[in-house]
Amino acid sequence: MKKSLALGMAGVVMALGLSAYPTTVEAHADPVSAVGDGPGPMADIVCRTLDGDPTVQGVRQMMVNYTGFMINRNLAWDTILNGVVWDCPQHADLLKDYAQFYGQYH
């Protein structure tokens, strides 16, 4: 009986303690876009690389280099995409070709 009473009291204390915390939390986040707010630190390198090898294989090699060097595939693609959008939009069709060719493997 004492054990039941102690467990019951512990339950009441826990319930009272937990009721002080909000049961719902409202999330606040700023909207983001697929393209960053600026060219980023790698944009110049992306554009020079694509200028030197404007092929689907050139984009693939850059993806391999970036993922092996420091970042995952998604971040590598975002880095390349942001560079093209902000600094060298003339390579946009090349990225579309890359996505069409390699998209099934990612």
N, C-alpha and C. Protein backbone atom coordinates (compact mmCIF):
# COMPACT_ATOMS: atom_id res chain seq x y z
N MET A 1 0.81 -1.19 0.00
CA MET A 1 0.00 0.00 0.00
C MET A 1 0.86 1.26 0.00
N LYS A 2 1.91 1.26 0.82
CA LYS A 2 2.80 2.42 0.86
C LYS A 2 3.49 2.60 -0.48
N LYS A 3 3.85 1.46 -1.10
CA LYS A 3 4.53 1.51 -2.40
C LYS A 3 3.59 2.10 -3.45
N SER A 4 2.33 1.68 -3.45
CA SER A 4 1.34 2.19 -4.39
C SER A 4 1.11 3.68 -4.18
N LEU A 5 1.02 4.07 -2.93
CA LEU A 5 0.81 5.48 -2.61
C LEU A 5 2.01 6.32 -3.06
N ALA A 6 3.22 5.79 -2.84
CA ALA A 6 4.43 6.50 -3.25
C ALA A 6 4.49 6.63 -4.77
N LEU A 7 4.16 5.56 -5.48
CA LEU A 7 4.15 5.61 -6.94
C LEU A 7 3.07 6.57 -7.45
N GLY A 8 1.91 6.55 -6.78
CA GLY A 8 0.84 7.46 -7.16
C GLY A 8 1.23 8.91 -6.96
N MET A 9 1.88 9.19 -5.84
CA MET A 9 2.33 10.56 -5.57
C MET A 9 3.41 10.99 -6.55
N ALA A 10 4.30 10.04 -6.89
CA ALA A 10 5.35 10.36 -7.87
C ALA A 10 4.73 10.69 -9.22
N GLY A 11 3.69 9.97 -9.60
CA GLY A 11 2.99 10.25 -10.85
C GLY A 11 2.35 11.62 -10.85
N VAL A 12 1.75 12.00 -9.73
CA VAL A 12 1.12 13.32 -9.62
C VAL A 12 2.17 14.41 -9.71
N VAL A 13 3.28 14.22 -9.02
CA VAL A 13 4.36 15.21 -9.05
C VAL A 13 4.90 15.36 -10.47
N MET A 14 5.10 14.22 -11.16
CA MET A 14 5.59 14.28 -12.54
C MET A 14 4.59 15.00 -13.44
N ALA A 15 3.33 14.66 -13.29
CA ALA A 15 2.30 15.29 -14.12
C ALA A 15 2.25 16.79 -13.89
N LEU A 16 2.35 17.20 -12.64
CA LEU A 16 2.35 18.63 -12.34
C LEU A 16 3.59 19.31 -12.91
N GLY A 17 4.72 18.63 -12.79
CA GLY A 17 5.96 19.20 -13.31
C GLY A 17 5.95 19.32 -14.82
N LEU A 18 5.44 18.28 -15.50
CA LEU A 18 5.40 18.31 -16.96
C LEU A 18 4.37 19.29 -17.50
N SER A 19 3.34 19.56 -16.71
CA SER A 19 2.32 20.49 -17.20
C SER A 19 2.86 21.91 -17.30
N ALA A 20 3.98 22.17 -16.68
CA ALA A 20 4.59 23.50 -16.78
C ALA A 20 5.24 23.73 -18.13
N TYR A 21 5.49 22.64 -18.89
CA TYR A 21 6.12 22.76 -20.20
C TYR A 21 5.04 22.85 -21.27
N PRO A 22 5.28 23.61 -22.30
CA PRO A 22 4.27 23.70 -23.36
C PRO A 22 4.14 22.36 -24.09
N THR A 23 2.92 22.05 -24.47
CA THR A 23 2.70 20.79 -25.16
C THR A 23 2.88 20.93 -26.66
N THR A 24 2.82 22.12 -27.17
CA THR A 24 3.07 22.34 -28.59
C THR A 24 4.13 23.42 -28.73
N VAL A 25 4.90 23.30 -29.78
CA VAL A 25 5.95 24.27 -30.06
C VAL A 25 5.72 24.78 -31.47
N GLU A 26 5.71 26.07 -31.62
CA GLU A 26 5.54 26.65 -32.93
C GLU A 26 6.91 26.87 -33.56
N ALA A 27 7.10 26.33 -34.73
CA ALA A 27 8.39 26.44 -35.42
C ALA A 27 8.48 27.78 -36.15
N HIS A 28 9.65 28.34 -36.15
CA HIS A 28 9.91 29.59 -36.86
C HIS A 28 11.15 29.38 -37.72
N ALA A 29 11.01 29.58 -39.02
CA ALA A 29 12.16 29.46 -39.91
C ALA A 29 11.98 30.42 -41.08
N ASP A 30 13.07 30.96 -41.53
CA ASP A 30 13.03 31.80 -42.70
C ASP A 30 12.98 30.92 -43.93
N PRO A 31 12.23 31.31 -44.93
CA PRO A 31 12.18 30.50 -46.15
C PRO A 31 13.53 30.50 -46.85
N VAL A 32 13.85 29.41 -47.50
CA VAL A 32 15.09 29.30 -48.26
C VAL A 32 14.75 28.96 -49.70
N SER A 33 15.65 29.27 -50.57
CA SER A 33 15.46 28.93 -51.97
C SER A 33 16.52 27.94 -52.38
N ALA A 34 16.30 27.34 -53.54
CA ALA A 34 17.27 26.36 -54.04
C ALA A 34 18.59 27.02 -54.39
N VAL A 35 18.53 28.29 -54.73
CA VAL A 35 19.73 29.03 -55.08
C VAL A 35 20.06 29.97 -53.93
N GLY A 36 21.31 30.00 -53.55
CA GLY A 36 21.74 30.81 -52.41
C GLY A 36 21.59 32.30 -52.63
N ASP A 37 21.99 33.05 -51.64
CA ASP A 37 21.86 34.51 -51.68
C ASP A 37 22.99 35.18 -52.45
N GLY A 38 23.91 34.43 -52.94
CA GLY A 38 25.02 34.99 -53.68
C GLY A 38 25.86 33.88 -54.27
N PRO A 39 26.89 34.25 -54.99
CA PRO A 39 27.66 33.24 -55.71
C PRO A 39 28.43 32.28 -54.82
N GLY A 40 28.78 32.67 -53.63
CA GLY A 40 29.53 31.78 -52.76
C GLY A 40 31.01 31.77 -53.12
N PRO A 41 31.83 31.20 -52.24
CA PRO A 41 33.28 31.25 -52.42
C PRO A 41 33.81 30.38 -53.55
N MET A 42 33.03 29.41 -54.01
CA MET A 42 33.52 28.49 -55.04
C MET A 42 33.05 28.85 -56.45
N ALA A 43 32.26 29.88 -56.59
CA ALA A 43 31.66 30.21 -57.89
C ALA A 43 32.72 30.43 -58.96
N ASP A 44 33.78 31.14 -58.64
CA ASP A 44 34.82 31.41 -59.62
C ASP A 44 35.49 30.12 -60.07
N ILE A 45 35.74 29.22 -59.15
CA ILE A 45 36.37 27.93 -59.48
C ILE A 45 35.43 27.10 -60.35
N VAL A 46 34.15 27.08 -59.99
CA VAL A 46 33.17 26.34 -60.78
C VAL A 46 33.17 26.85 -62.22
N CYS A 47 33.11 28.15 -62.40
CA CYS A 47 33.03 28.71 -63.74
C CYS A 47 34.32 28.48 -64.53
N ARG A 48 35.46 28.65 -63.89
CA ARG A 48 36.72 28.40 -64.60
C ARG A 48 36.85 26.93 -64.99
N THR A 49 36.40 26.05 -64.13
CA THR A 49 36.45 24.61 -64.43
C THR A 49 35.55 24.27 -65.61
N LEU A 50 34.34 24.81 -65.60
CA LEU A 50 33.42 24.54 -66.70
C LEU A 50 33.86 25.22 -67.99
N ASP A 51 34.51 26.37 -67.89
CA ASP A 51 35.06 27.01 -69.08
C ASP A 51 36.14 26.12 -69.71
N GLY A 52 36.93 25.48 -68.86
CA GLY A 52 38.02 24.63 -69.34
C GLY A 52 37.56 23.28 -69.87
N ASP A 53 36.45 22.75 -69.36
CA ASP A 53 35.93 21.46 -69.80
C ASP A 53 34.42 21.51 -69.81
N PRO A 54 33.85 22.16 -70.82
CA PRO A 54 32.39 22.35 -70.87
C PRO A 54 31.66 21.11 -71.39
N THR A 55 31.82 20.00 -70.68
CA THR A 55 31.18 18.75 -71.07
C THR A 55 30.47 18.15 -69.87
N VAL A 56 29.60 17.20 -70.14
CA VAL A 56 28.92 16.49 -69.05
C VAL A 56 29.96 15.77 -68.20
N GLN A 57 30.96 15.19 -68.84
CA GLN A 57 32.03 14.52 -68.10
C GLN A 57 32.82 15.51 -67.24
N GLY A 58 32.96 16.74 -67.70
CA GLY A 58 33.62 17.77 -66.89
C GLY A 58 32.84 18.09 -65.62
N VAL A 59 31.51 18.16 -65.74
CA VAL A 59 30.68 18.37 -64.56
C VAL A 59 30.80 17.17 -63.63
N ARG A 60 30.78 15.97 -64.20
CA ARG A 60 30.90 14.75 -63.40
C ARG A 60 32.22 14.74 -62.63
N GLN A 61 33.29 15.10 -63.30
CA GLN A 61 34.59 15.11 -62.64
C GLN A 61 34.62 16.13 -61.50
N MET A 62 33.97 17.27 -61.71
CA MET A 62 33.92 18.26 -60.64
C MET A 62 33.12 17.71 -59.46
N MET A 63 32.02 17.02 -59.72
CA MET A 63 31.23 16.39 -58.65
C MET A 63 32.09 15.39 -57.88
N VAL A 64 32.83 14.57 -58.61
CA VAL A 64 33.69 13.57 -57.97
C VAL A 64 34.75 14.25 -57.12
N ASN A 65 35.36 15.29 -57.66
CA ASN A 65 36.40 16.01 -56.92
C ASN A 65 35.83 16.65 -55.66
N TYR A 66 34.68 17.29 -55.77
CA TYR A 66 34.09 17.94 -54.60
C TYR A 66 33.68 16.94 -53.54
N THR A 67 33.06 15.84 -53.94
CA THR A 67 32.60 14.88 -52.94
C THR A 67 33.79 14.16 -52.31
N GLY A 68 34.86 13.98 -53.03
CA GLY A 68 36.04 13.36 -52.45
C GLY A 68 36.85 14.31 -51.59
N PHE A 69 36.67 15.58 -51.83
CA PHE A 69 37.47 16.59 -51.13
C PHE A 69 36.86 17.02 -49.82
N MET A 70 35.54 17.35 -49.83
CA MET A 70 35.03 17.96 -48.61
C MET A 70 33.54 17.84 -48.39
N ILE A 71 32.75 17.56 -49.39
CA ILE A 71 31.31 17.72 -49.23
C ILE A 71 30.54 16.55 -49.82
N ASN A 72 29.29 16.40 -49.41
CA ASN A 72 28.46 15.34 -49.96
C ASN A 72 27.91 15.73 -51.33
N ARG A 73 27.25 14.80 -52.00
CA ARG A 73 26.75 15.05 -53.36
C ARG A 73 25.79 16.23 -53.43
N ASN A 74 24.89 16.31 -52.46
CA ASN A 74 23.90 17.40 -52.49
C ASN A 74 24.57 18.76 -52.36
N LEU A 75 25.51 18.86 -51.46
CA LEU A 75 26.21 20.14 -51.28
C LEU A 75 27.10 20.44 -52.48
N ALA A 76 27.70 19.40 -53.06
CA ALA A 76 28.51 19.61 -54.27
C ALA A 76 27.64 20.15 -55.40
N TRP A 77 26.47 19.54 -55.58
CA TRP A 77 25.57 20.01 -56.64
C TRP A 77 25.11 21.43 -56.37
N ASP A 78 24.77 21.75 -55.12
CA ASP A 78 24.36 23.11 -54.78
C ASP A 78 25.48 24.11 -55.06
N THR A 79 26.71 23.73 -54.76
CA THR A 79 27.86 24.60 -55.00
C THR A 79 28.02 24.88 -56.48
N ILE A 80 27.93 23.83 -57.29
CA ILE A 80 28.06 23.98 -58.74
C ILE A 80 26.89 24.79 -59.30
N LEU A 81 25.69 24.45 -58.88
CA LEU A 81 24.50 25.16 -59.36
C LEU A 81 24.55 26.64 -59.01
N ASN A 82 24.89 26.96 -57.78
CA ASN A 82 24.98 28.37 -57.38
C ASN A 82 26.04 29.12 -58.18
N GLY A 83 27.17 28.47 -58.42
CA GLY A 83 28.21 29.11 -59.23
C GLY A 83 27.73 29.43 -60.62
N VAL A 84 27.02 28.49 -61.23
CA VAL A 84 26.52 28.70 -62.60
C VAL A 84 25.43 29.78 -62.61
N VAL A 85 24.51 29.70 -61.67
CA VAL A 85 23.41 30.68 -61.65
C VAL A 85 23.94 32.09 -61.47
N TRP A 86 24.90 32.26 -60.58
CA TRP A 86 25.35 33.61 -60.24
C TRP A 86 26.47 34.13 -61.13
N ASP A 87 27.37 33.26 -61.56
CA ASP A 87 28.56 33.77 -62.26
C ASP A 87 28.68 33.35 -63.73
N CYS A 88 28.14 32.21 -64.09
CA CYS A 88 28.33 31.77 -65.48
C CYS A 88 27.08 31.05 -66.00
N PRO A 89 26.00 31.80 -66.17
CA PRO A 89 24.75 31.20 -66.63
C PRO A 89 24.84 30.58 -68.02
N GLN A 90 25.90 30.88 -68.75
CA GLN A 90 26.07 30.27 -70.06
C GLN A 90 26.24 28.75 -69.97
N HIS A 91 26.53 28.23 -68.77
CA HIS A 91 26.69 26.79 -68.58
C HIS A 91 25.43 26.11 -68.05
N ALA A 92 24.32 26.83 -67.99
CA ALA A 92 23.08 26.26 -67.45
C ALA A 92 22.62 25.03 -68.24
N ASP A 93 22.71 25.09 -69.56
CA ASP A 93 22.29 23.93 -70.37
C ASP A 93 23.17 22.72 -70.11
N LEU A 94 24.43 22.96 -69.82
CA LEU A 94 25.35 21.88 -69.50
C LEU A 94 24.91 21.16 -68.21
N LEU A 95 24.48 21.93 -67.22
CA LEU A 95 23.99 21.32 -65.99
C LEU A 95 22.70 20.54 -66.22
N LYS A 96 21.86 21.05 -67.11
CA LYS A 96 20.64 20.31 -67.45
C LYS A 96 21.00 18.98 -68.12
N ASP A 97 21.97 19.00 -69.01
CA ASP A 97 22.42 17.77 -69.67
C ASP A 97 22.99 16.78 -68.65
N TYR A 98 23.77 17.30 -67.71
CA TYR A 98 24.34 16.45 -66.67
C TYR A 98 23.23 15.81 -65.84
N ALA A 99 22.26 16.62 -65.42
CA ALA A 99 21.16 16.11 -64.60
C ALA A 99 20.35 15.07 -65.35
N GLN A 100 20.16 15.29 -66.64
CA GLN A 100 19.40 14.32 -67.44
C GLN A 100 20.18 13.02 -67.58
N PHE A 101 21.47 13.10 -67.78
CA PHE A 101 22.29 11.91 -67.99
C PHE A 101 22.54 11.15 -66.70
N TYR A 102 22.97 11.87 -65.63
CA TYR A 102 23.35 11.22 -64.38
C TYR A 102 22.26 11.21 -63.31
N GLY A 103 21.19 11.92 -63.53
CA GLY A 103 20.15 12.04 -62.51
C GLY A 103 19.61 10.71 -62.02
N GLN A 104 19.55 9.72 -62.88
CA GLN A 104 19.05 8.41 -62.49
C GLN A 104 19.99 7.69 -61.53
N TYR A 105 21.23 8.09 -61.46
CA TYR A 105 22.20 7.41 -60.60
C TYR A 105 22.38 8.09 -59.25
N HIS A 106 21.79 9.26 -59.07
CA HIS A 106 21.97 9.98 -57.81
C HIS A 106 20.80 9.76 -56.94
